[in-house]
Amino acid sequence: MWNKQPTNSNILTPRPPKNGFIVDGKKGDLMFAVVPYKNKLMIIHLGEQLKVCNNGQSARNYIKNYKNTRKYKNSTKLYDDIS
């Protein structure tokens, strides 16, 4: 019988793909998802593709700056009105 264990096939590749992660917003439902896209990372918030970044640190910096924008603050107010 075959044992279904996940393989870590990225170990032997010279340039392994980047992993995605999630960053919390002001509320638990207003999260930012950072997902792999080609050889970069794409930031997604409320179903909208915000930006494509080269690495995880630049994605975190963009999210940190985006949280201070008027567009983000308006989206949280809109979300409060709906729920």
PDB file of N, CA and C in Angstrom:
ATOM      1  N   MET A   1       0.841  -1.180   0.000  1.00  0.00           N
ATOM      2  CA  MET A   1       0.000   0.000   0.000  1.00  0.00           C
ATOM      3  C   MET A   1       0.887   1.245   0.000  1.00  0.00           C
ATOM      4  N   TRP A   2       0.498   2.239  -0.757  1.00  0.00           N
ATOM      5  CA  TRP A   2       1.281   3.452  -0.899  1.00  0.00           C
ATOM      6  C   TRP A   2       0.933   4.427   0.227  1.00  0.00           C
ATOM      7  N   ASN A   3       1.935   4.952   0.891  1.00  0.00           N
ATOM      8  CA  ASN A   3       1.742   5.911   1.976  1.00  0.00           C
ATOM      9  C   ASN A   3       1.667   7.314   1.377  1.00  0.00           C
ATOM     10  N   LYS A   4       0.573   8.003   1.585  1.00  0.00           N
ATOM     11  CA  LYS A   4       0.369   9.322   0.990  1.00  0.00           C
ATOM     12  C   LYS A   4       0.981  10.408   1.877  1.00  0.00           C
ATOM     13  N   GLN A   5       2.275  10.560   1.790  1.00  0.00           N
ATOM     14  CA  GLN A   5       2.965  11.609   2.511  1.00  0.00           C
ATOM     15  C   GLN A   5       3.344  12.706   1.525  1.00  0.00           C
ATOM     16  N   PRO A   6       3.239  13.960   1.959  1.00  0.00           N
ATOM     17  CA  PRO A   6       3.617  15.042   1.043  1.00  0.00           C
ATOM     18  C   PRO A   6       5.124  15.018   0.800  1.00  0.00           C
ATOM     19  N   THR A   7       5.484  15.249  -0.418  1.00  0.00           N
ATOM     20  CA  THR A   7       6.907  15.302  -0.744  1.00  0.00           C
ATOM     21  C   THR A   7       7.352  16.750  -0.770  1.00  0.00           C
ATOM     22  N   ASN A   8       8.554  16.964  -0.346  1.00  0.00           N
ATOM     23  CA  ASN A   8       9.136  18.297  -0.394  1.00  0.00           C
ATOM     24  C   ASN A   8      10.049  18.350  -1.608  1.00  0.00           C
ATOM     25  N   SER A   9       9.452  18.400  -2.779  1.00  0.00           N
ATOM     26  CA  SER A   9      10.219  18.349  -4.020  1.00  0.00           C
ATOM     27  C   SER A   9      10.955  19.648  -4.292  1.00  0.00           C
ATOM     28  N   ASN A  10      10.689  20.700  -3.515  1.00  0.00           N
ATOM     29  CA  ASN A  10      11.357  21.984  -3.736  1.00  0.00           C
ATOM     30  C   ASN A  10      12.768  22.004  -3.176  1.00  0.00           C
ATOM     31  N   ILE A  11      13.153  20.987  -2.431  1.00  0.00           N
ATOM     32  CA  ILE A  11      14.476  20.980  -1.809  1.00  0.00           C
ATOM     33  C   ILE A  11      15.574  20.986  -2.864  1.00  0.00           C
ATOM     34  N   LEU A  12      15.408  20.233  -3.916  1.00  0.00           N
ATOM     35  CA  LEU A  12      16.471  20.065  -4.895  1.00  0.00           C
ATOM     36  C   LEU A  12      16.439  21.073  -6.032  1.00  0.00           C
ATOM     37  N   THR A  13      15.426  21.927  -6.078  1.00  0.00           N
ATOM     38  CA  THR A  13      15.382  22.919  -7.150  1.00  0.00           C
ATOM     39  C   THR A  13      16.306  24.079  -6.811  1.00  0.00           C
ATOM     40  N   PRO A  14      17.037  24.614  -7.775  1.00  0.00           N
ATOM     41  CA  PRO A  14      17.975  25.708  -7.482  1.00  0.00           C
ATOM     42  C   PRO A  14      17.269  27.001  -7.076  1.00  0.00           C
ATOM     43  N   ARG A  15      16.070  27.232  -7.602  1.00  0.00           N
ATOM     44  CA  ARG A  15      15.306  28.428  -7.242  1.00  0.00           C
ATOM     45  C   ARG A  15      13.918  27.984  -6.813  1.00  0.00           C
ATOM     46  N   PRO A  16      13.727  27.659  -5.527  1.00  0.00           N
ATOM     47  CA  PRO A  16      12.409  27.185  -5.089  1.00  0.00           C
ATOM     48  C   PRO A  16      11.373  28.296  -5.181  1.00  0.00           C
ATOM     49  N   PRO A  17      10.113  27.943  -5.414  1.00  0.00           N
ATOM     50  CA  PRO A  17       9.059  28.969  -5.495  1.00  0.00           C
ATOM     51  C   PRO A  17       8.820  29.618  -4.141  1.00  0.00           C
ATOM     52  N   LYS A  18       8.345  30.847  -4.187  1.00  0.00           N
ATOM     53  CA  LYS A  18       8.054  31.571  -2.951  1.00  0.00           C
ATOM     54  C   LYS A  18       6.745  31.076  -2.364  1.00  0.00           C
ATOM     55  N   ASN A  19       6.662  31.100  -1.048  1.00  0.00           N
ATOM     56  CA  ASN A  19       5.444  30.688  -0.357  1.00  0.00           C
ATOM     57  C   ASN A  19       4.562  31.895  -0.093  1.00  0.00           C
ATOM     58  N   GLY A  20       3.257  31.687  -0.084  1.00  0.00           N
ATOM     59  CA  GLY A  20       2.319  32.757   0.221  1.00  0.00           C
ATOM     60  C   GLY A  20       2.085  32.858   1.719  1.00  0.00           C
ATOM     61  N   PHE A  21       1.448  33.959   2.141  1.00  0.00           N
ATOM     62  CA  PHE A  21       1.119  34.156   3.542  1.00  0.00           C
ATOM     63  C   PHE A  21      -0.058  35.112   3.648  1.00  0.00           C
ATOM     64  N   ILE A  22      -0.588  35.273   4.858  1.00  0.00           N
ATOM     65  CA  ILE A  22      -1.742  36.127   5.110  1.00  0.00           C
ATOM     66  C   ILE A  22      -1.363  37.166   6.149  1.00  0.00           C
ATOM     67  N   VAL A  23      -1.790  38.415   5.930  1.00  0.00           N
ATOM     68  CA  VAL A  23      -1.565  39.502   6.876  1.00  0.00           C
ATOM     69  C   VAL A  23      -2.927  40.012   7.309  1.00  0.00           C
ATOM     70  N   ASP A  24      -3.145  40.159   8.623  1.00  0.00           N
ATOM     71  CA  ASP A  24      -4.425  40.629   9.144  1.00  0.00           C
ATOM     72  C   ASP A  24      -4.594  42.121   8.914  1.00  0.00           C
ATOM     73  N   GLY A  25      -5.828  42.499   8.684  1.00  0.00           N
ATOM     74  CA  GLY A  25      -6.182  43.899   8.588  1.00  0.00           C
ATOM     75  C   GLY A  25      -6.702  44.385   9.931  1.00  0.00           C
ATOM     76  N   LYS A  26      -7.542  45.419   9.922  1.00  0.00           N
ATOM     77  CA  LYS A  26      -8.105  45.926  11.174  1.00  0.00           C
ATOM     78  C   LYS A  26      -9.048  44.918  11.802  1.00  0.00           C
ATOM     79  N   LYS A  27      -9.804  44.238  10.991  1.00  0.00           N
ATOM     80  CA  LYS A  27     -10.721  43.205  11.462  1.00  0.00           C
ATOM     81  C   LYS A  27     -10.269  41.875  10.885  1.00  0.00           C
ATOM     82  N   GLY A  28     -10.731  40.788  11.469  1.00  0.00           N
ATOM     83  CA  GLY A  28     -10.302  39.479  11.009  1.00  0.00           C
ATOM     84  C   GLY A  28     -10.703  39.183   9.581  1.00  0.00           C
ATOM     85  N   ASP A  29     -11.827  39.754   9.121  1.00  0.00           N
ATOM     86  CA  ASP A  29     -12.294  39.465   7.766  1.00  0.00           C
ATOM     87  C   ASP A  29     -11.587  40.302   6.707  1.00  0.00           C
ATOM     88  N   LEU A  30     -10.966  41.384   7.111  1.00  0.00           N
ATOM     89  CA  LEU A  30     -10.288  42.258   6.147  1.00  0.00           C
ATOM     90  C   LEU A  30      -8.813  41.906   6.088  1.00  0.00           C
ATOM     91  N   MET A  31      -8.505  40.738   5.566  1.00  0.00           N
ATOM     92  CA  MET A  31      -7.132  40.271   5.504  1.00  0.00           C
ATOM     93  C   MET A  31      -6.526  40.555   4.140  1.00  0.00           C
ATOM     94  N   PHE A  32      -5.226  40.534   4.114  1.00  0.00           N
ATOM     95  CA  PHE A  32      -4.469  40.625   2.876  1.00  0.00           C
ATOM     96  C   PHE A  32      -3.868  39.263   2.613  1.00  0.00           C
ATOM     97  N   ALA A  33      -4.037  38.756   1.410  1.00  0.00           N
ATOM     98  CA  ALA A  33      -3.428  37.492   1.021  1.00  0.00           C
ATOM     99  C   ALA A  33      -2.273  37.793   0.080  1.00  0.00           C
ATOM    100  N   VAL A  34      -1.143  37.191   0.346  1.00  0.00           N
ATOM    101  CA  VAL A  34       0.020  37.318  -0.521  1.00  0.00           C
ATOM    102  C   VAL A  34       0.258  35.931  -1.116  1.00  0.00           C
ATOM    103  N   VAL A  35       0.022  35.806  -2.407  1.00  0.00           N
ATOM    104  CA  VAL A  35       0.087  34.505  -3.078  1.00  0.00           C
ATOM    105  C   VAL A  35       1.175  34.518  -4.149  1.00  0.00           C
ATOM    106  N   PRO A  36       1.772  33.351  -4.412  1.00  0.00           N
ATOM    107  CA  PRO A  36       2.784  33.291  -5.472  1.00  0.00           C
ATOM    108  C   PRO A  36       2.165  33.538  -6.845  1.00  0.00           C
ATOM    109  N   TYR A  37       2.845  34.327  -7.638  1.00  0.00           N
ATOM    110  CA  TYR A  37       2.398  34.633  -9.003  1.00  0.00           C
ATOM    111  C   TYR A  37       3.642  34.660  -9.883  1.00  0.00           C
ATOM    112  N   LYS A  38       3.755  33.683 -10.759  1.00  0.00           N
ATOM    113  CA  LYS A  38       4.963  33.483 -11.564  1.00  0.00           C
ATOM    114  C   LYS A  38       6.145  33.349 -10.603  1.00  0.00           C
ATOM    115  N   ASN A  39       7.153  34.195 -10.665  1.00  0.00           N
ATOM    116  CA  ASN A  39       8.275  34.129  -9.726  1.00  0.00           C
ATOM    117  C   ASN A  39       8.214  35.262  -8.713  1.00  0.00           C
ATOM    118  N   LYS A  40       7.031  35.848  -8.533  1.00  0.00           N
ATOM    119  CA  LYS A  40       6.874  36.978  -7.624  1.00  0.00           C
ATOM    120  C   LYS A  40       5.718  36.703  -6.666  1.00  0.00           C
ATOM    121  N   LEU A  41       5.335  37.705  -5.887  1.00  0.00           N
ATOM    122  CA  LEU A  41       4.227  37.581  -4.949  1.00  0.00           C
ATOM    123  C   LEU A  41       3.182  38.650  -5.251  1.00  0.00           C
ATOM    124  N   MET A  42       1.918  38.240  -5.291  1.00  0.00           N
ATOM    125  CA  MET A  42       0.826  39.170  -5.571  1.00  0.00           C
ATOM    126  C   MET A  42       0.033  39.424  -4.292  1.00  0.00           C
ATOM    127  N   ILE A  43      -0.302  40.685  -4.037  1.00  0.00           N
ATOM    128  CA  ILE A  43      -1.094  41.065  -2.870  1.00  0.00           C
ATOM    129  C   ILE A  43      -2.551  41.168  -3.302  1.00  0.00           C
ATOM    130  N   ILE A  44      -3.429  40.473  -2.570  1.00  0.00           N
ATOM    131  CA  ILE A  44      -4.863  40.485  -2.860  1.00  0.00           C
ATOM    132  C   ILE A  44      -5.595  40.930  -1.602  1.00  0.00           C
ATOM    133  N   HIS A  45      -6.529  41.879  -1.765  1.00  0.00           N
ATOM    134  CA  HIS A  45      -7.328  42.391  -0.649  1.00  0.00           C
ATOM    135  C   HIS A  45      -8.755  42.596  -1.133  1.00  0.00           C
ATOM    136  N   LEU A  46      -9.716  41.967  -0.473  1.00  0.00           N
ATOM    137  CA  LEU A  46     -11.136  42.027  -0.838  1.00  0.00           C
ATOM    138  C   LEU A  46     -11.367  41.636  -2.297  1.00  0.00           C
ATOM    139  N   GLY A  47     -10.629  40.627  -2.763  1.00  0.00           N
ATOM    140  CA  GLY A  47     -10.792  40.143  -4.120  1.00  0.00           C
ATOM    141  C   GLY A  47     -10.147  41.002  -5.187  1.00  0.00           C
ATOM    142  N   GLU A  48      -9.425  42.036  -4.799  1.00  0.00           N
ATOM    143  CA  GLU A  48      -8.784  42.939  -5.748  1.00  0.00           C
ATOM    144  C   GLU A  48      -7.281  42.725  -5.714  1.00  0.00           C
ATOM    145  N   GLN A  49      -6.678  42.610  -6.876  1.00  0.00           N
ATOM    146  CA  GLN A  49      -5.231  42.458  -6.964  1.00  0.00           C
ATOM    147  C   GLN A  49      -4.599  43.839  -6.827  1.00  0.00           C
ATOM    148  N   LEU A  50      -3.868  44.037  -5.731  1.00  0.00           N
ATOM    149  CA  LEU A  50      -3.312  45.359  -5.471  1.00  0.00           C
ATOM    150  C   LEU A  50      -1.964  45.581  -6.146  1.00  0.00           C
ATOM    151  N   LYS A  51      -1.033  44.638  -5.967  1.00  0.00           N
ATOM    152  CA  LYS A  51       0.310  44.857  -6.479  1.00  0.00           C
ATOM    153  C   LYS A  51       1.046  43.535  -6.590  1.00  0.00           C
ATOM    154  N   VAL A  52       2.046  43.492  -7.458  1.00  0.00           N
ATOM    155  CA  VAL A  52       2.939  42.350  -7.570  1.00  0.00           C
ATOM    156  C   VAL A  52       4.301  42.791  -7.041  1.00  0.00           C
ATOM    157  N   CYS A  53       4.794  42.083  -6.027  1.00  0.00           N
ATOM    158  CA  CYS A  53       6.057  42.437  -5.383  1.00  0.00           C
ATOM    159  C   CYS A  53       7.108  41.364  -5.652  1.00  0.00           C
ATOM    160  N   ASN A  54       8.373  41.755  -5.504  1.00  0.00           N
ATOM    161  CA  ASN A  54       9.466  40.821  -5.736  1.00  0.00           C
ATOM    162  C   ASN A  54       9.706  39.874  -4.570  1.00  0.00           C
ATOM    163  N   ASN A  55       9.514  40.338  -3.337  1.00  0.00           N
ATOM    164  CA  ASN A  55       9.782  39.480  -2.188  1.00  0.00           C
ATOM    165  C   ASN A  55       8.770  39.761  -1.077  1.00  0.00           C
ATOM    166  N   GLY A  56       8.826  38.958  -0.035  1.00  0.00           N
ATOM    167  CA  GLY A  56       7.873  39.071   1.062  1.00  0.00           C
ATOM    168  C   GLY A  56       8.014  40.358   1.847  1.00  0.00           C
ATOM    169  N   GLN A  57       9.235  40.838   2.016  1.00  0.00           N
ATOM    170  CA  GLN A  57       9.439  42.063   2.792  1.00  0.00           C
ATOM    171  C   GLN A  57       8.829  43.269   2.080  1.00  0.00           C
ATOM    172  N   SER A  58       8.985  43.356   0.771  1.00  0.00           N
ATOM    173  CA  SER A  58       8.381  44.483   0.050  1.00  0.00           C
ATOM    174  C   SER A  58       6.858  44.377   0.076  1.00  0.00           C
ATOM    175  N   ALA A  59       6.311  43.159   0.094  1.00  0.00           N
ATOM    176  CA  ALA A  59       4.857  42.987   0.197  1.00  0.00           C
ATOM    177  C   ALA A  59       4.366  43.468   1.558  1.00  0.00           C
ATOM    178  N   ARG A  60       5.082  43.115   2.629  1.00  0.00           N
ATOM    179  CA  ARG A  60       4.692  43.575   3.970  1.00  0.00           C
ATOM    180  C   ARG A  60       4.782  45.095   4.095  1.00  0.00           C
ATOM    181  N   ASN A  61       5.816  45.691   3.508  1.00  0.00           N
ATOM    182  CA  ASN A  61       5.948  47.156   3.541  1.00  0.00           C
ATOM    183  C   ASN A  61       4.799  47.824   2.791  1.00  0.00           C
ATOM    184  N   TYR A  62       4.412  47.272   1.637  1.00  0.00           N
ATOM    185  CA  TYR A  62       3.308  47.837   0.869  1.00  0.00           C
ATOM    186  C   TYR A  62       2.004  47.753   1.658  1.00  0.00           C
ATOM    187  N   ILE A  63       1.769  46.616   2.302  1.00  0.00           N
ATOM    188  CA  ILE A  63       0.544  46.445   3.103  1.00  0.00           C
ATOM    189  C   ILE A  63       0.537  47.428   4.264  1.00  0.00           C
ATOM    190  N   LYS A  64       1.668  47.600   4.907  1.00  0.00           N
ATOM    191  CA  LYS A  64       1.767  48.546   6.026  1.00  0.00           C
ATOM    192  C   LYS A  64       1.428  49.968   5.569  1.00  0.00           C
ATOM    193  N   ASN A  65       1.941  50.371   4.412  1.00  0.00           N
ATOM    194  CA  ASN A  65       1.642  51.695   3.883  1.00  0.00           C
ATOM    195  C   ASN A  65       0.208  51.789   3.377  1.00  0.00           C
ATOM    196  N   TYR A  66      -0.325  50.711   2.819  1.00  0.00           N
ATOM    197  CA  TYR A  66      -1.689  50.709   2.280  1.00  0.00           C
ATOM    198  C   TYR A  66      -2.719  50.863   3.398  1.00  0.00           C
ATOM    199  N   LYS A  67      -2.400  50.359   4.590  1.00  0.00           N
ATOM    200  CA  LYS A  67      -3.333  50.472   5.712  1.00  0.00           C
ATOM    201  C   LYS A  67      -3.552  51.920   6.137  1.00  0.00           C
ATOM    202  N   ASN A  68      -2.635  52.808   5.795  1.00  0.00           N
ATOM    203  CA  ASN A  68      -2.764  54.215   6.151  1.00  0.00           C
ATOM    204  C   ASN A  68      -3.444  55.051   5.072  1.00  0.00           C
ATOM    205  N   THR A  69      -3.818  54.440   3.958  1.00  0.00           N
ATOM    206  CA  THR A  69      -4.429  55.201   2.873  1.00  0.00           C
ATOM    207  C   THR A  69      -5.925  55.396   3.097  1.00  0.00           C
ATOM    208  N   ARG A  70      -6.466  56.362   2.419  1.00  0.00           N
ATOM    209  CA  ARG A  70      -7.895  56.676   2.510  1.00  0.00           C
ATOM    210  C   ARG A  70      -8.739  55.547   1.920  1.00  0.00           C
ATOM    211  N   LYS A  71      -8.235  54.920   0.871  1.00  0.00           N
ATOM    212  CA  LYS A  71      -8.978  53.842   0.218  1.00  0.00           C
ATOM    213  C   LYS A  71      -9.200  52.674   1.181  1.00  0.00           C
ATOM    214  N   TYR A  72      -8.202  52.317   1.967  1.00  0.00           N
ATOM    215  CA  TYR A  72      -8.337  51.222   2.935  1.00  0.00           C
ATOM    216  C   TYR A  72      -9.297  51.597   4.051  1.00  0.00           C
ATOM    217  N   LYS A  73      -9.206  52.824   4.538  1.00  0.00           N
ATOM    218  CA  LYS A  73     -10.085  53.258   5.630  1.00  0.00           C
ATOM    219  C   LYS A  73     -11.542  53.314   5.173  1.00  0.00           C
ATOM    220  N   ASN A  74     -11.775  53.696   3.919  1.00  0.00           N
ATOM    221  CA  ASN A  74     -13.141  53.701   3.391  1.00  0.00           C
ATOM    222  C   ASN A  74     -13.682  52.287   3.226  1.00  0.00           C
ATOM    223  N   SER A  75     -12.819  51.347   2.874  1.00  0.00           N
ATOM    224  CA  SER A  75     -13.288  49.974   2.713  1.00  0.00           C
ATOM    225  C   SER A  75     -13.667  49.371   4.058  1.00  0.00           C
ATOM    226  N   THR A  76     -12.993  49.751   5.132  1.00  0.00           N
ATOM    227  CA  THR A  76     -13.369  49.228   6.447  1.00  0.00           C
ATOM    228  C   THR A  76     -14.686  49.834   6.903  1.00  0.00           C
ATOM    229  N   LYS A  77     -14.953  51.099   6.574  1.00  0.00           N
ATOM    230  CA  LYS A  77     -16.232  51.710   6.928  1.00  0.00           C
ATOM    231  C   LYS A  77     -17.364  51.050   6.155  1.00  0.00           C
ATOM    232  N   LEU A  78     -17.136  50.758   4.892  1.00  0.00           N
ATOM    233  CA  LEU A  78     -18.135  50.091   4.073  1.00  0.00           C
ATOM    234  C   LEU A  78     -18.435  48.709   4.634  1.00  0.00           C
ATOM    235  N   TYR A  79     -17.407  48.018   5.076  1.00  0.00           N
ATOM    236  CA  TYR A  79     -17.590  46.684   5.636  1.00  0.00           C
ATOM    237  C   TYR A  79     -18.383  46.757   6.942  1.00  0.00           C
ATOM    238  N   ASP A  80     -18.164  47.796   7.759  1.00  0.00           N
ATOM    239  CA  ASP A  80     -18.919  47.956   8.994  1.00  0.00           C
ATOM    240  C   ASP A  80     -20.405  48.190   8.727  1.00  0.00           C
ATOM    241  N   ASP A  81     -20.714  48.921   7.652  1.00  0.00           N
ATOM    242  CA  ASP A  81     -22.109  49.199   7.314  1.00  0.00           C
ATOM    243  C   ASP A  81     -22.835  47.927   6.856  1.00  0.00           C
ATOM    244  N   ILE A  82     -22.118  47.042   6.173  1.00  0.00           N
ATOM    245  CA  ILE A  82     -22.734  45.827   5.650  1.00  0.00           C
ATOM    246  C   ILE A  82     -23.022  44.846   6.780  1.00  0.00           C
ATOM    247  N   SER A  83     -22.081  44.682   7.688  1.00  0.00           N
ATOM    248  CA  SER A  83     -22.250  43.666   8.741  1.00  0.00           C
ATOM    249  C   SER A  83     -22.977  44.190   9.954  1.00  0.00           C
TER     250      SER A  83
END
